[in-house]
Amino acid sequence: MADLASDAGTVHVVNVPNAGSIPGFPDDVVVEVAATINRSGAVPRPTDALRPDVDALMRTIKDVELLCVQAAVEGDEDAALQALLAHPLGPDAHQVRAVWNRMKELNAGWFGRLDD
């Protein structure tokens, strides 16, 4: 906060909209990158293109995150199930419904529109 207020121009690793910092990634997705902090906010610093394996993993996780947002905002249980299936550490397809039901049971009251 001090760096924002003082227009310090320091560099911190923060979560910001990509805004072209990672080549080939959509500008509007949130990424954790080095950014210059000044009165204008956090301005992401350009990076090199990602290695293909890292790029693929980041795109997969970004898809999972967007499905989670869709599930939460719209109360879309299908999106929640798709997020579980898409996650590299998620359950197999034949287990996803049981895992989802257990998650809802253990986190009752915390899933907003998905608690129904």
PDB file of N, CA and C in Angstrom:
ATOM      1  N   MET A   1       0.839  -1.185   0.000  1.00  0.00           N
ATOM      2  CA  MET A   1       0.000   0.000   0.000  1.00  0.00           C
ATOM      3  C   MET A   1       0.882   1.245   0.000  1.00  0.00           C
ATOM      4  N   ALA A   2       1.957   1.193   0.750  1.00  0.00           N
ATOM      5  CA  ALA A   2       2.856   2.352   0.773  1.00  0.00           C
ATOM      6  C   ALA A   2       3.438   2.617  -0.607  1.00  0.00           C
ATOM      7  N   ASP A   3       3.781   1.557  -1.336  1.00  0.00           N
ATOM      8  CA  ASP A   3       4.352   1.731  -2.674  1.00  0.00           C
ATOM      9  C   ASP A   3       3.328   2.324  -3.640  1.00  0.00           C
ATOM     10  N   LEU A   4       2.064   1.962  -3.476  1.00  0.00           N
ATOM     11  CA  LEU A   4       1.016   2.572  -4.293  1.00  0.00           C
ATOM     12  C   LEU A   4       0.904   4.066  -3.982  1.00  0.00           C
ATOM     13  N   ALA A   5       0.826   4.374  -2.695  1.00  0.00           N
ATOM     14  CA  ALA A   5       0.631   5.758  -2.269  1.00  0.00           C
ATOM     15  C   ALA A   5       1.825   6.639  -2.614  1.00  0.00           C
ATOM     16  N   SER A   6       3.026   6.081  -2.527  1.00  0.00           N
ATOM     17  CA  SER A   6       4.230   6.894  -2.752  1.00  0.00           C
ATOM     18  C   SER A   6       4.705   6.871  -4.200  1.00  0.00           C
ATOM     19  N   ASP A   7       3.995   6.151  -5.067  1.00  0.00           N
ATOM     20  CA  ASP A   7       4.389   6.039  -6.472  1.00  0.00           C
ATOM     21  C   ASP A   7       5.813   5.511  -6.589  1.00  0.00           C
ATOM     22  N   ALA A   8       6.108   4.473  -5.792  1.00  0.00           N
ATOM     23  CA  ALA A   8       7.473   3.987  -5.620  1.00  0.00           C
ATOM     24  C   ALA A   8       8.098   3.389  -6.876  1.00  0.00           C
ATOM     25  N   GLY A   9       7.309   2.729  -7.715  1.00  0.00           N
ATOM     26  CA  GLY A   9       7.882   2.081  -8.884  1.00  0.00           C
ATOM     27  C   GLY A   9       8.637   0.810  -8.551  1.00  0.00           C
ATOM     28  N   THR A  10       8.357   0.238  -7.400  1.00  0.00           N
ATOM     29  CA  THR A  10       9.008  -1.006  -6.995  1.00  0.00           C
ATOM     30  C   THR A  10       8.362  -2.179  -7.719  1.00  0.00           C
ATOM     31  N   VAL A  11       9.029  -3.318  -7.664  1.00  0.00           N
ATOM     32  CA  VAL A  11       8.521  -4.522  -8.317  1.00  0.00           C
ATOM     33  C   VAL A  11       8.142  -5.535  -7.254  1.00  0.00           C
ATOM     34  N   HIS A  12       6.934  -6.042  -7.350  1.00  0.00           N
ATOM     35  CA  HIS A  12       6.424  -7.087  -6.469  1.00  0.00           C
ATOM     36  C   HIS A  12       5.768  -8.161  -7.325  1.00  0.00           C
ATOM     37  N   VAL A  13       5.705  -9.371  -6.827  1.00  0.00           N
ATOM     38  CA  VAL A  13       4.954 -10.429  -7.498  1.00  0.00           C
ATOM     39  C   VAL A  13       3.533 -10.383  -6.944  1.00  0.00           C
ATOM     40  N   VAL A  14       2.583 -10.127  -7.833  1.00  0.00           N
ATOM     41  CA  VAL A  14       1.186  -9.953  -7.449  1.00  0.00           C
ATOM     42  C   VAL A  14       0.272 -10.597  -8.486  1.00  0.00           C
ATOM     43  N   ASN A  15      -0.996 -10.730  -8.142  1.00  0.00           N
ATOM     44  CA  ASN A  15      -2.011 -11.222  -9.068  1.00  0.00           C
ATOM     45  C   ASN A  15      -2.630 -10.030  -9.787  1.00  0.00           C
ATOM     46  N   VAL A  16      -2.523 -10.038 -11.114  1.00  0.00           N
ATOM     47  CA  VAL A  16      -3.027  -8.942 -11.942  1.00  0.00           C
ATOM     48  C   VAL A  16      -3.603  -9.514 -13.235  1.00  0.00           C
ATOM     49  N   PRO A  17      -4.448  -8.737 -13.924  1.00  0.00           N
ATOM     50  CA  PRO A  17      -4.832  -9.165 -15.270  1.00  0.00           C
ATOM     51  C   PRO A  17      -3.578  -9.268 -16.141  1.00  0.00           C
ATOM     52  N   ASN A  18      -3.515 -10.274 -16.965  1.00  0.00           N
ATOM     53  CA  ASN A  18      -2.333 -10.529 -17.775  1.00  0.00           C
ATOM     54  C   ASN A  18      -1.900  -9.302 -18.583  1.00  0.00           C
ATOM     55  N   ALA A  19      -2.840  -8.681 -19.261  1.00  0.00           N
ATOM     56  CA  ALA A  19      -2.564  -7.455 -20.026  1.00  0.00           C
ATOM     57  C   ALA A  19      -1.321  -7.574 -20.904  1.00  0.00           C
ATOM     58  N   GLY A  20      -1.149  -8.731 -21.533  1.00  0.00           N
ATOM     59  CA  GLY A  20      -0.038  -8.920 -22.455  1.00  0.00           C
ATOM     60  C   GLY A  20       1.279  -9.324 -21.826  1.00  0.00           C
ATOM     61  N   SER A  21       1.314  -9.499 -20.512  1.00  0.00           N
ATOM     62  CA  SER A  21       2.598  -9.814 -19.873  1.00  0.00           C
ATOM     63  C   SER A  21       3.101 -11.204 -20.248  1.00  0.00           C
ATOM     64  N   ILE A  22       2.214 -12.179 -20.360  1.00  0.00           N
ATOM     65  CA  ILE A  22       2.598 -13.522 -20.801  1.00  0.00           C
ATOM     66  C   ILE A  22       2.106 -13.692 -22.230  1.00  0.00           C
ATOM     67  N   PRO A  23       3.029 -13.746 -23.174  1.00  0.00           N
ATOM     68  CA  PRO A  23       2.624 -13.845 -24.583  1.00  0.00           C
ATOM     69  C   PRO A  23       1.719 -15.058 -24.830  1.00  0.00           C
ATOM     70  N   GLY A  24       0.643 -14.815 -25.584  1.00  0.00           N
ATOM     71  CA  GLY A  24      -0.259 -15.896 -25.959  1.00  0.00           C
ATOM     72  C   GLY A  24      -1.382 -16.161 -24.973  1.00  0.00           C
ATOM     73  N   PHE A  25      -1.327 -15.543 -23.793  1.00  0.00           N
ATOM     74  CA  PHE A  25      -2.399 -15.706 -22.817  1.00  0.00           C
ATOM     75  C   PHE A  25      -3.406 -14.578 -22.994  1.00  0.00           C
ATOM     76  N   PRO A  26      -4.691 -14.846 -22.758  1.00  0.00           N
ATOM     77  CA  PRO A  26      -5.679 -13.771 -22.862  1.00  0.00           C
ATOM     78  C   PRO A  26      -5.331 -12.615 -21.921  1.00  0.00           C
ATOM     79  N   ASP A  27      -5.588 -11.401 -22.357  1.00  0.00           N
ATOM     80  CA  ASP A  27      -5.261 -10.229 -21.556  1.00  0.00           C
ATOM     81  C   ASP A  27      -6.051 -10.147 -20.253  1.00  0.00           C
ATOM     82  N   ASP A  28      -7.267 -10.708 -20.237  1.00  0.00           N
ATOM     83  CA  ASP A  28      -8.126 -10.524 -19.076  1.00  0.00           C
ATOM     84  C   ASP A  28      -7.991 -11.602 -18.000  1.00  0.00           C
ATOM     85  N   VAL A  29      -7.203 -12.656 -18.232  1.00  0.00           N
ATOM     86  CA  VAL A  29      -7.056 -13.660 -17.183  1.00  0.00           C
ATOM     87  C   VAL A  29      -6.082 -13.161 -16.121  1.00  0.00           C
ATOM     88  N   VAL A  30      -6.346 -13.530 -14.894  1.00  0.00           N
ATOM     89  CA  VAL A  30      -5.485 -13.114 -13.790  1.00  0.00           C
ATOM     90  C   VAL A  30      -4.304 -14.067 -13.691  1.00  0.00           C
ATOM     91  N   VAL A  31      -3.106 -13.476 -13.602  1.00  0.00           N
ATOM     92  CA  VAL A  31      -1.871 -14.244 -13.498  1.00  0.00           C
ATOM     93  C   VAL A  31      -1.044 -13.678 -12.348  1.00  0.00           C
ATOM     94  N   GLU A  32      -0.170 -14.505 -11.805  1.00  0.00           N
ATOM     95  CA  GLU A  32       0.732 -14.063 -10.744  1.00  0.00           C
ATOM     96  C   GLU A  32       2.095 -13.816 -11.373  1.00  0.00           C
ATOM     97  N   VAL A  33       2.442 -12.536 -11.509  1.00  0.00           N
ATOM     98  CA  VAL A  33       3.673 -12.138 -12.185  1.00  0.00           C
ATOM     99  C   VAL A  33       4.300 -10.945 -11.467  1.00  0.00           C
ATOM    100  N   ALA A  34       5.545 -10.662 -11.844  1.00  0.00           N
ATOM    101  CA  ALA A  34       6.195  -9.444 -11.356  1.00  0.00           C
ATOM    102  C   ALA A  34       5.476  -8.243 -11.962  1.00  0.00           C
ATOM    103  N   ALA A  35       5.228  -7.244 -11.131  1.00  0.00           N
ATOM    104  CA  ALA A  35       4.547  -6.038 -11.593  1.00  0.00           C
ATOM    105  C   ALA A  35       5.190  -4.820 -10.946  1.00  0.00           C
ATOM    106  N   THR A  36       5.216  -3.743 -11.694  1.00  0.00           N
ATOM    107  CA  THR A  36       5.692  -2.470 -11.161  1.00  0.00           C
ATOM    108  C   THR A  36       4.533  -1.810 -10.433  1.00  0.00           C
ATOM    109  N   ILE A  37       4.785  -1.404  -9.200  1.00  0.00           N
ATOM    110  CA  ILE A  37       3.745  -0.800  -8.362  1.00  0.00           C
ATOM    111  C   ILE A  37       3.949   0.704  -8.337  1.00  0.00           C
ATOM    112  N   ASN A  38       2.920   1.432  -8.774  1.00  0.00           N
ATOM    113  CA  ASN A  38       2.962   2.893  -8.717  1.00  0.00           C
ATOM    114  C   ASN A  38       1.552   3.417  -8.475  1.00  0.00           C
ATOM    115  N   ARG A  39       1.373   4.719  -8.558  1.00  0.00           N
ATOM    116  CA  ARG A  39       0.051   5.298  -8.278  1.00  0.00           C
ATOM    117  C   ARG A  39      -1.042   4.747  -9.194  1.00  0.00           C
ATOM    118  N   SER A  40      -0.663   4.270 -10.366  1.00  0.00           N
ATOM    119  CA  SER A  40      -1.645   3.723 -11.304  1.00  0.00           C
ATOM    120  C   SER A  40      -2.104   2.329 -10.916  1.00  0.00           C
ATOM    121  N   GLY A  41      -1.381   1.703  -9.994  1.00  0.00           N
ATOM    122  CA  GLY A  41      -1.700   0.341  -9.580  1.00  0.00           C
ATOM    123  C   GLY A  41      -0.539  -0.585  -9.847  1.00  0.00           C
ATOM    124  N   ALA A  42      -0.865  -1.816 -10.151  1.00  0.00           N
ATOM    125  CA  ALA A  42       0.143  -2.832 -10.450  1.00  0.00           C
ATOM    126  C   ALA A  42       0.166  -3.044 -11.961  1.00  0.00           C
ATOM    127  N   VAL A  43       1.292  -2.757 -12.563  1.00  0.00           N
ATOM    128  CA  VAL A  43       1.447  -2.882 -14.015  1.00  0.00           C
ATOM    129  C   VAL A  43       2.319  -4.106 -14.292  1.00  0.00           C
ATOM    130  N   PRO A  44       1.733  -5.158 -14.885  1.00  0.00           N
ATOM    131  CA  PRO A  44       2.519  -6.379 -15.091  1.00  0.00           C
ATOM    132  C   PRO A  44       3.711  -6.138 -16.010  1.00  0.00           C
ATOM    133  N   ARG A  45       4.815  -6.777 -15.665  1.00  0.00           N
ATOM    134  CA  ARG A  45       6.028  -6.672 -16.479  1.00  0.00           C
ATOM    135  C   ARG A  45       6.019  -7.788 -17.527  1.00  0.00           C
ATOM    136  N   PRO A  46       6.476  -7.493 -18.726  1.00  0.00           N
ATOM    137  CA  PRO A  46       6.493  -8.514 -19.780  1.00  0.00           C
ATOM    138  C   PRO A  46       7.398  -9.689 -19.411  1.00  0.00           C
ATOM    139  N   THR A  47       7.010 -10.863 -19.851  1.00  0.00           N
ATOM    140  CA  THR A  47       7.802 -12.070 -19.645  1.00  0.00           C
ATOM    141  C   THR A  47       8.064 -12.722 -20.997  1.00  0.00           C
ATOM    142  N   ASP A  48       8.944 -13.682 -20.984  1.00  0.00           N
ATOM    143  CA  ASP A  48       9.137 -14.499 -22.178  1.00  0.00           C
ATOM    144  C   ASP A  48       7.952 -15.456 -22.303  1.00  0.00           C
ATOM    145  N   ALA A  49       7.788 -16.000 -23.481  1.00  0.00           N
ATOM    146  CA  ALA A  49       6.775 -17.033 -23.669  1.00  0.00           C
ATOM    147  C   ALA A  49       7.093 -18.208 -22.746  1.00  0.00           C
ATOM    148  N   LEU A  50       6.062 -18.880 -22.299  1.00  0.00           N
ATOM    149  CA  LEU A  50       6.234 -20.023 -21.404  1.00  0.00           C
ATOM    150  C   LEU A  50       6.700 -21.247 -22.189  1.00  0.00           C
ATOM    151  N   ARG A  51       7.418 -22.129 -21.492  1.00  0.00           N
ATOM    152  CA  ARG A  51       7.741 -23.428 -22.103  1.00  0.00           C
ATOM    153  C   ARG A  51       6.424 -24.125 -22.422  1.00  0.00           C
ATOM    154  N   PRO A  52       6.375 -24.943 -23.445  1.00  0.00           N
ATOM    155  CA  PRO A  52       5.120 -25.602 -23.819  1.00  0.00           C
ATOM    156  C   PRO A  52       4.465 -26.388 -22.686  1.00  0.00           C
ATOM    157  N   ASP A  53       5.246 -27.099 -21.859  1.00  0.00           N
ATOM    158  CA  ASP A  53       4.652 -27.879 -20.775  1.00  0.00           C
ATOM    159  C   ASP A  53       4.047 -26.982 -19.696  1.00  0.00           C
ATOM    160  N   VAL A  54       4.716 -25.878 -19.397  1.00  0.00           N
ATOM    161  CA  VAL A  54       4.203 -24.929 -18.402  1.00  0.00           C
ATOM    162  C   VAL A  54       2.979 -24.214 -18.950  1.00  0.00           C
ATOM    163  N   ASP A  55       3.032 -23.831 -20.212  1.00  0.00           N
ATOM    164  CA  ASP A  55       1.902 -23.180 -20.856  1.00  0.00           C
ATOM    165  C   ASP A  55       0.656 -24.076 -20.786  1.00  0.00           C
ATOM    166  N   ALA A  56       0.828 -25.350 -21.112  1.00  0.00           N
ATOM    167  CA  ALA A  56      -0.300 -26.285 -21.093  1.00  0.00           C
ATOM    168  C   ALA A  56      -0.884 -26.422 -19.688  1.00  0.00           C
ATOM    169  N   LEU A  57      -0.028 -26.538 -18.685  1.00  0.00           N
ATOM    170  CA  LEU A  57      -0.506 -26.665 -17.313  1.00  0.00           C
ATOM    171  C   LEU A  57      -1.232 -25.393 -16.868  1.00  0.00           C
ATOM    172  N   MET A  58      -0.652 -24.234 -17.174  1.00  0.00           N
ATOM    173  CA  MET A  58      -1.301 -22.973 -16.774  1.00  0.00           C
ATOM    174  C   MET A  58      -2.657 -22.803 -17.447  1.00  0.00           C
ATOM    175  N   ARG A  59      -2.748 -23.179 -18.706  1.00  0.00           N
ATOM    176  CA  ARG A  59      -4.037 -23.070 -19.399  1.00  0.00           C
ATOM    177  C   ARG A  59      -5.075 -24.018 -18.788  1.00  0.00           C
ATOM    178  N   THR A  60      -4.641 -25.202 -18.415  1.00  0.00           N
ATOM    179  CA  THR A  60      -5.551 -26.154 -17.783  1.00  0.00           C
ATOM    180  C   THR A  60      -6.053 -25.604 -16.452  1.00  0.00           C
ATOM    181  N   ILE A  61      -5.140 -25.115 -15.628  1.00  0.00           N
ATOM    182  CA  ILE A  61      -5.534 -24.574 -14.321  1.00  0.00           C
ATOM    183  C   ILE A  61      -6.409 -23.337 -14.494  1.00  0.00           C
ATOM    184  N   LYS A  62      -6.114 -22.503 -15.467  1.00  0.00           N
ATOM    185  CA  LYS A  62      -6.941 -21.321 -15.729  1.00  0.00           C
ATOM    186  C   LYS A  62      -8.349 -21.762 -16.124  1.00  0.00           C
ATOM    187  N   ASP A  63      -8.472 -22.812 -16.940  1.00  0.00           N
ATOM    188  CA  ASP A  63      -9.790 -23.347 -17.292  1.00  0.00           C
ATOM    189  C   ASP A  63     -10.532 -23.830 -16.053  1.00  0.00           C
ATOM    190  N   VAL A  64      -9.826 -24.510 -15.161  1.00  0.00           N
ATOM    191  CA  VAL A  64     -10.431 -24.985 -13.913  1.00  0.00           C
ATOM    192  C   VAL A  64     -10.930 -23.789 -13.104  1.00  0.00           C
ATOM    193  N   GLU A  65     -10.111 -22.768 -12.973  1.00  0.00           N
ATOM    194  CA  GLU A  65     -10.504 -21.578 -12.213  1.00  0.00           C
ATOM    195  C   GLU A  65     -11.756 -20.932 -12.801  1.00  0.00           C
ATOM    196  N   LEU A  66     -11.799 -20.808 -14.123  1.00  0.00           N
ATOM    197  CA  LEU A  66     -12.961 -20.187 -14.760  1.00  0.00           C
ATOM    198  C   LEU A  66     -14.220 -21.030 -14.582  1.00  0.00           C
ATOM    199  N   LEU A  67     -14.077 -22.345 -14.613  1.00  0.00           N
ATOM    200  CA  LEU A  67     -15.226 -23.220 -14.335  1.00  0.00           C
ATOM    201  C   LEU A  67     -15.690 -23.055 -12.888  1.00  0.00           C
ATOM    202  N   CYS A  68     -14.761 -22.904 -11.968  1.00  0.00           N
ATOM    203  CA  CYS A  68     -15.121 -22.683 -10.558  1.00  0.00           C
ATOM    204  C   CYS A  68     -15.876 -21.372 -10.384  1.00  0.00           C
ATOM    205  N   VAL A  69     -15.432 -20.340 -11.061  1.00  0.00           N
ATOM    206  CA  VAL A  69     -16.128 -19.049 -11.001  1.00  0.00           C
ATOM    207  C   VAL A  69     -17.530 -19.190 -11.566  1.00  0.00           C
ATOM    208  N   GLN A  70     -17.647 -19.855 -12.712  1.00  0.00           N
ATOM    209  CA  GLN A  70     -18.969 -20.072 -13.306  1.00  0.00           C
ATOM    210  C   GLN A  70     -19.866 -20.830 -12.335  1.00  0.00           C
ATOM    211  N   ALA A  71     -19.325 -21.865 -11.718  1.00  0.00           N
ATOM    212  CA  ALA A  71     -20.108 -22.645 -10.761  1.00  0.00           C
ATOM    213  C   ALA A  71     -20.593 -21.778  -9.609  1.00  0.00           C
ATOM    214  N   ALA A  72     -19.689 -20.967  -9.071  1.00  0.00           N
ATOM    215  CA  ALA A  72     -20.030 -20.142  -7.912  1.00  0.00           C
ATOM    216  C   ALA A  72     -21.015 -19.035  -8.266  1.00  0.00           C
ATOM    217  N   VAL A  73     -20.772 -18.336  -9.351  1.00  0.00           N
ATOM    218  CA  VAL A  73     -21.602 -17.185  -9.717  1.00  0.00           C
ATOM    219  C   VAL A  73     -22.988 -17.619 -10.182  1.00  0.00           C
ATOM    220  N   GLU A  74     -23.037 -18.686 -10.960  1.00  0.00           N
ATOM    221  CA  GLU A  74     -24.304 -19.110 -11.549  1.00  0.00           C
ATOM    222  C   GLU A  74     -24.978 -20.245 -10.777  1.00  0.00           C
ATOM    223  N   GLY A  75     -24.303 -20.782  -9.761  1.00  0.00           N
ATOM    224  CA  GLY A  75     -24.847 -21.935  -9.064  1.00  0.00           C
ATOM    225  C   GLY A  75     -24.903 -23.151  -9.972  1.00  0.00           C
ATOM    226  N   ASP A  76     -23.926 -23.252 -10.862  1.00  0.00           N
ATOM    227  CA  ASP A  76     -23.907 -24.265 -11.911  1.00  0.00           C
ATOM    228  C   ASP A  76     -23.132 -25.499 -11.444  1.00  0.00           C
ATOM    229  N   GLU A  77     -23.859 -26.499 -10.977  1.00  0.00           N
ATOM    230  CA  GLU A  77     -23.223 -27.711 -10.474  1.00  0.00           C
ATOM    231  C   GLU A  77     -22.464 -28.460 -11.573  1.00  0.00           C
ATOM    232  N   ASP A  78     -22.963 -28.425 -12.807  1.00  0.00           N
ATOM    233  CA  ASP A  78     -22.249 -29.074 -13.903  1.00  0.00           C
ATOM    234  C   ASP A  78     -20.861 -28.454 -14.102  1.00  0.00           C
ATOM    235  N   ALA A  79     -20.760 -27.140 -13.957  1.00  0.00           N
ATOM    236  CA  ALA A  79     -19.460 -26.475 -14.078  1.00  0.00           C
ATOM    237  C   ALA A  79     -18.529 -26.906 -12.948  1.00  0.00           C
ATOM    238  N   ALA A  80     -19.077 -27.092 -11.752  1.00  0.00           N
ATOM    239  CA  ALA A  80     -18.260 -27.567 -10.629  1.00  0.00           C
ATOM    240  C   ALA A  80     -17.730 -28.974 -10.904  1.00  0.00           C
ATOM    241  N   LEU A  81     -18.581 -29.827 -11.431  1.00  0.00           N
ATOM    242  CA  LEU A  81     -18.157 -31.185 -11.771  1.00  0.00           C
ATOM    243  C   LEU A  81     -17.109 -31.172 -12.885  1.00  0.00           C
ATOM    244  N   GLN A  82     -17.296 -30.312 -13.875  1.00  0.00           N
ATOM    245  CA  GLN A  82     -16.321 -30.194 -14.959  1.00  0.00           C
ATOM    246  C   GLN A  82     -14.979 -29.693 -14.422  1.00  0.00           C
ATOM    247  N   ALA A  83     -15.021 -28.767 -13.463  1.00  0.00           N
ATOM    248  CA  ALA A  83     -13.785 -28.261 -12.864  1.00  0.00           C
ATOM    249  C   ALA A  83     -13.027 -29.385 -12.165  1.00  0.00           C
ATOM    250  N   LEU A  84     -13.741 -30.206 -11.425  1.00  0.00           N
ATOM    251  CA  LEU A  84     -13.099 -31.347 -10.766  1.00  0.00           C
ATOM    252  C   LEU A  84     -12.479 -32.293 -11.786  1.00  0.00           C
ATOM    253  N   LEU A  85     -13.206 -32.550 -12.870  1.00  0.00           N
ATOM    254  CA  LEU A  85     -12.693 -33.455 -13.905  1.00  0.00           C
ATOM    255  C   LEU A  85     -11.492 -32.870 -14.645  1.00  0.00           C
ATOM    256  N   ALA A  86     -11.496 -31.569 -14.860  1.00  0.00           N
ATOM    257  CA  ALA A  86     -10.425 -30.924 -15.626  1.00  0.00           C
ATOM    258  C   ALA A  86      -9.144 -30.756 -14.821  1.00  0.00           C
ATOM    259  N   HIS A  87      -9.270 -30.713 -13.495  1.00  0.00           N
ATOM    260  CA  HIS A  87      -8.080 -30.474 -12.670  1.00  0.00           C
ATOM    261  C   HIS A  87      -7.126 -31.661 -12.769  1.00  0.00           C
ATOM    262  N   PRO A  88      -5.834 -31.393 -12.989  1.00  0.00           N
ATOM    263  CA  PRO A  88      -4.873 -32.500 -13.128  1.00  0.00           C
ATOM    264  C   PRO A  88      -4.811 -33.427 -11.912  1.00  0.00           C
ATOM    265  N   LEU A  89      -5.176 -32.925 -10.744  1.00  0.00           N
ATOM    266  CA  LEU A  89      -5.150 -33.758  -9.537  1.00  0.00           C
ATOM    267  C   LEU A  89      -6.549 -34.192  -9.118  1.00  0.00           C
ATOM    268  N   GLY A  90      -7.530 -33.949  -9.988  1.00  0.00           N
ATOM    269  CA  GLY A  90      -8.908 -34.279  -9.661  1.00  0.00           C
ATOM    270  C   GLY A  90      -9.194 -35.761  -9.778  1.00  0.00           C
ATOM    271  N   PRO A  91     -10.397 -36.137  -9.374  1.00  0.00           N
ATOM    272  CA  PRO A  91     -10.781 -37.554  -9.392  1.00  0.00           C
ATOM    273  C   PRO A  91     -11.045 -38.052 -10.808  1.00  0.00           C
ATOM    274  N   ASP A  92     -11.056 -39.360 -10.947  1.00  0.00           N
ATOM    275  CA  ASP A  92     -11.458 -39.986 -12.207  1.00  0.00           C
ATOM    276  C   ASP A  92     -12.948 -39.722 -12.438  1.00  0.00           C
ATOM    277  N   ALA A  93     -13.355 -39.843 -13.695  1.00  0.00           N
ATOM    278  CA  ALA A  93     -14.741 -39.542 -14.058  1.00  0.00           C
ATOM    279  C   ALA A  93     -15.744 -40.354 -13.250  1.00  0.00           C
ATOM    280  N   HIS A  94     -15.444 -41.613 -12.981  1.00  0.00           N
ATOM    281  CA  HIS A  94     -16.401 -42.443 -12.249  1.00  0.00           C
ATOM    282  C   HIS A  94     -16.475 -42.073 -10.762  1.00  0.00           C
ATOM    283  N   GLN A  95     -15.553 -41.248 -10.278  1.00  0.00           N
ATOM    284  CA  GLN A  95     -15.536 -40.841  -8.869  1.00  0.00           C
ATOM    285  C   GLN A  95     -15.999 -39.405  -8.644  1.00  0.00           C
ATOM    286  N   VAL A  96     -16.148 -38.641  -9.722  1.00  0.00           N
ATOM    287  CA  VAL A  96     -16.353 -37.203  -9.562  1.00  0.00           C
ATOM    288  C   VAL A  96     -17.630 -36.865  -8.803  1.00  0.00           C
ATOM    289  N   ARG A  97     -18.707 -37.553  -9.048  1.00  0.00           N
ATOM    290  CA  ARG A  97     -19.969 -37.253  -8.353  1.00  0.00           C
ATOM    291  C   ARG A  97     -19.830 -37.528  -6.855  1.00  0.00           C
ATOM    292  N   ALA A  98     -19.222 -38.633  -6.484  1.00  0.00           N
ATOM    293  CA  ALA A  98     -19.040 -38.959  -5.065  1.00  0.00           C
ATOM    294  C   ALA A  98     -18.125 -37.939  -4.387  1.00  0.00           C
ATOM    295  N   VAL A  99     -17.058 -37.535  -5.064  1.00  0.00           N
ATOM    296  CA  VAL A  99     -16.148 -36.529  -4.502  1.00  0.00           C
ATOM    297  C   VAL A  99     -16.890 -35.206  -4.327  1.00  0.00           C
ATOM    298  N   TRP A 100     -17.654 -34.798  -5.330  1.00  0.00           N
ATOM    299  CA  TRP A 100     -18.418 -33.556  -5.252  1.00  0.00           C
ATOM    300  C   TRP A 100     -19.424 -33.603  -4.094  1.00  0.00           C
ATOM    301  N   ASN A 101     -20.143 -34.704  -3.966  1.00  0.00           N
ATOM    302  CA  ASN A 101     -21.111 -34.819  -2.875  1.00  0.00           C
ATOM    303  C   ASN A 101     -20.423 -34.741  -1.517  1.00  0.00           C
ATOM    304  N   ARG A 102     -19.259 -35.366  -1.390  1.00  0.00           N
ATOM    305  CA  ARG A 102     -18.505 -35.321  -0.122  1.00  0.00           C
ATOM    306  C   ARG A 102     -18.004 -33.903   0.154  1.00  0.00           C
ATOM    307  N   MET A 103     -17.542 -33.217  -0.880  1.00  0.00           N
ATOM    308  CA  MET A 103     -17.104 -31.830  -0.708  1.00  0.00           C
ATOM    309  C   MET A 103     -18.256 -30.965  -0.212  1.00  0.00           C
ATOM    310  N   LYS A 104     -19.425 -31.141  -0.804  1.00  0.00           N
ATOM    311  CA  LYS A 104     -20.590 -30.358  -0.371  1.00  0.00           C
ATOM    312  C   LYS A 104     -20.971 -30.692   1.061  1.00  0.00           C
ATOM    313  N   GLU A 105     -20.886 -31.957   1.415  1.00  0.00           N
ATOM    314  CA  GLU A 105     -21.210 -32.382   2.779  1.00  0.00           C
ATOM    315  C   GLU A 105     -20.247 -31.754   3.793  1.00  0.00           C
ATOM    316  N   LEU A 106     -18.959 -31.822   3.505  1.00  0.00           N
ATOM    317  CA  LEU A 106     -17.947 -31.313   4.434  1.00  0.00           C
ATOM    318  C   LEU A 106     -17.904 -29.797   4.504  1.00  0.00           C
ATOM    319  N   ASN A 107     -18.407 -29.138   3.471  1.00  0.00           N
ATOM    320  CA  ASN A 107     -18.345 -27.675   3.413  1.00  0.00           C
ATOM    321  C   ASN A 107     -19.727 -27.039   3.379  1.00  0.00           C
ATOM    322  N   ALA A 108     -20.714 -27.733   3.939  1.00  0.00           N
ATOM    323  CA  ALA A 108     -22.085 -27.234   3.931  1.00  0.00           C
ATOM    324  C   ALA A 108     -22.130 -25.813   4.491  1.00  0.00           C
ATOM    325  N   GLY A 109     -22.848 -24.969   3.785  1.00  0.00           N
ATOM    326  CA  GLY A 109     -22.984 -23.587   4.203  1.00  0.00           C
ATOM    327  C   GLY A 109     -21.942 -22.656   3.597  1.00  0.00           C
ATOM    328  N   TRP A 110     -20.945 -23.196   2.940  1.00  0.00           N
ATOM    329  CA  TRP A 110     -19.866 -22.385   2.371  1.00  0.00           C
ATOM    330  C   TRP A 110     -19.921 -22.331   0.850  1.00  0.00           C
ATOM    331  N   PHE A 111     -20.820 -23.044   0.218  1.00  0.00           N
ATOM    332  CA  PHE A 111     -20.861 -23.113  -1.235  1.00  0.00           C
ATOM    333  C   PHE A 111     -21.911 -22.211  -1.854  1.00  0.00           C
ATOM    334  N   GLY A 112     -22.484 -21.305  -1.084  1.00  0.00           N
ATOM    335  CA  GLY A 112     -23.424 -20.339  -1.618  1.00  0.00           C
ATOM    336  C   GLY A 112     -24.539 -20.998  -2.400  1.00  0.00           C
ATOM    337  N   ARG A 113     -24.702 -20.590  -3.650  1.00  0.00           N
ATOM    338  CA  ARG A 113     -25.781 -21.090  -4.500  1.00  0.00           C
ATOM    339  C   ARG A 113     -25.651 -22.583  -4.786  1.00  0.00           C
ATOM    340  N   LEU A 114     -24.490 -23.152  -4.537  1.00  0.00           N
ATOM    341  CA  LEU A 114     -24.292 -24.581  -4.782  1.00  0.00           C
ATOM    342  C   LEU A 114     -24.646 -25.433  -3.569  1.00  0.00           C
ATOM    343  N   ASP A 115     -25.051 -24.823  -2.473  1.00  0.00           N
ATOM    344  CA  ASP A 115     -25.412 -25.578  -1.266  1.00  0.00           C
ATOM    345  C   ASP A 115     -26.752 -26.274  -1.374  1.00  0.00           C
ATOM    346  N   ASP A 116     -27.572 -25.884  -2.308  1.00  0.00           N
ATOM    347  CA  ASP A 116     -28.923 -26.471  -2.414  1.00  0.00           C
ATOM    348  C   ASP A 116     -28.870 -27.952  -2.690  1.00  0.00           C
TER     349      ASP A 116
END
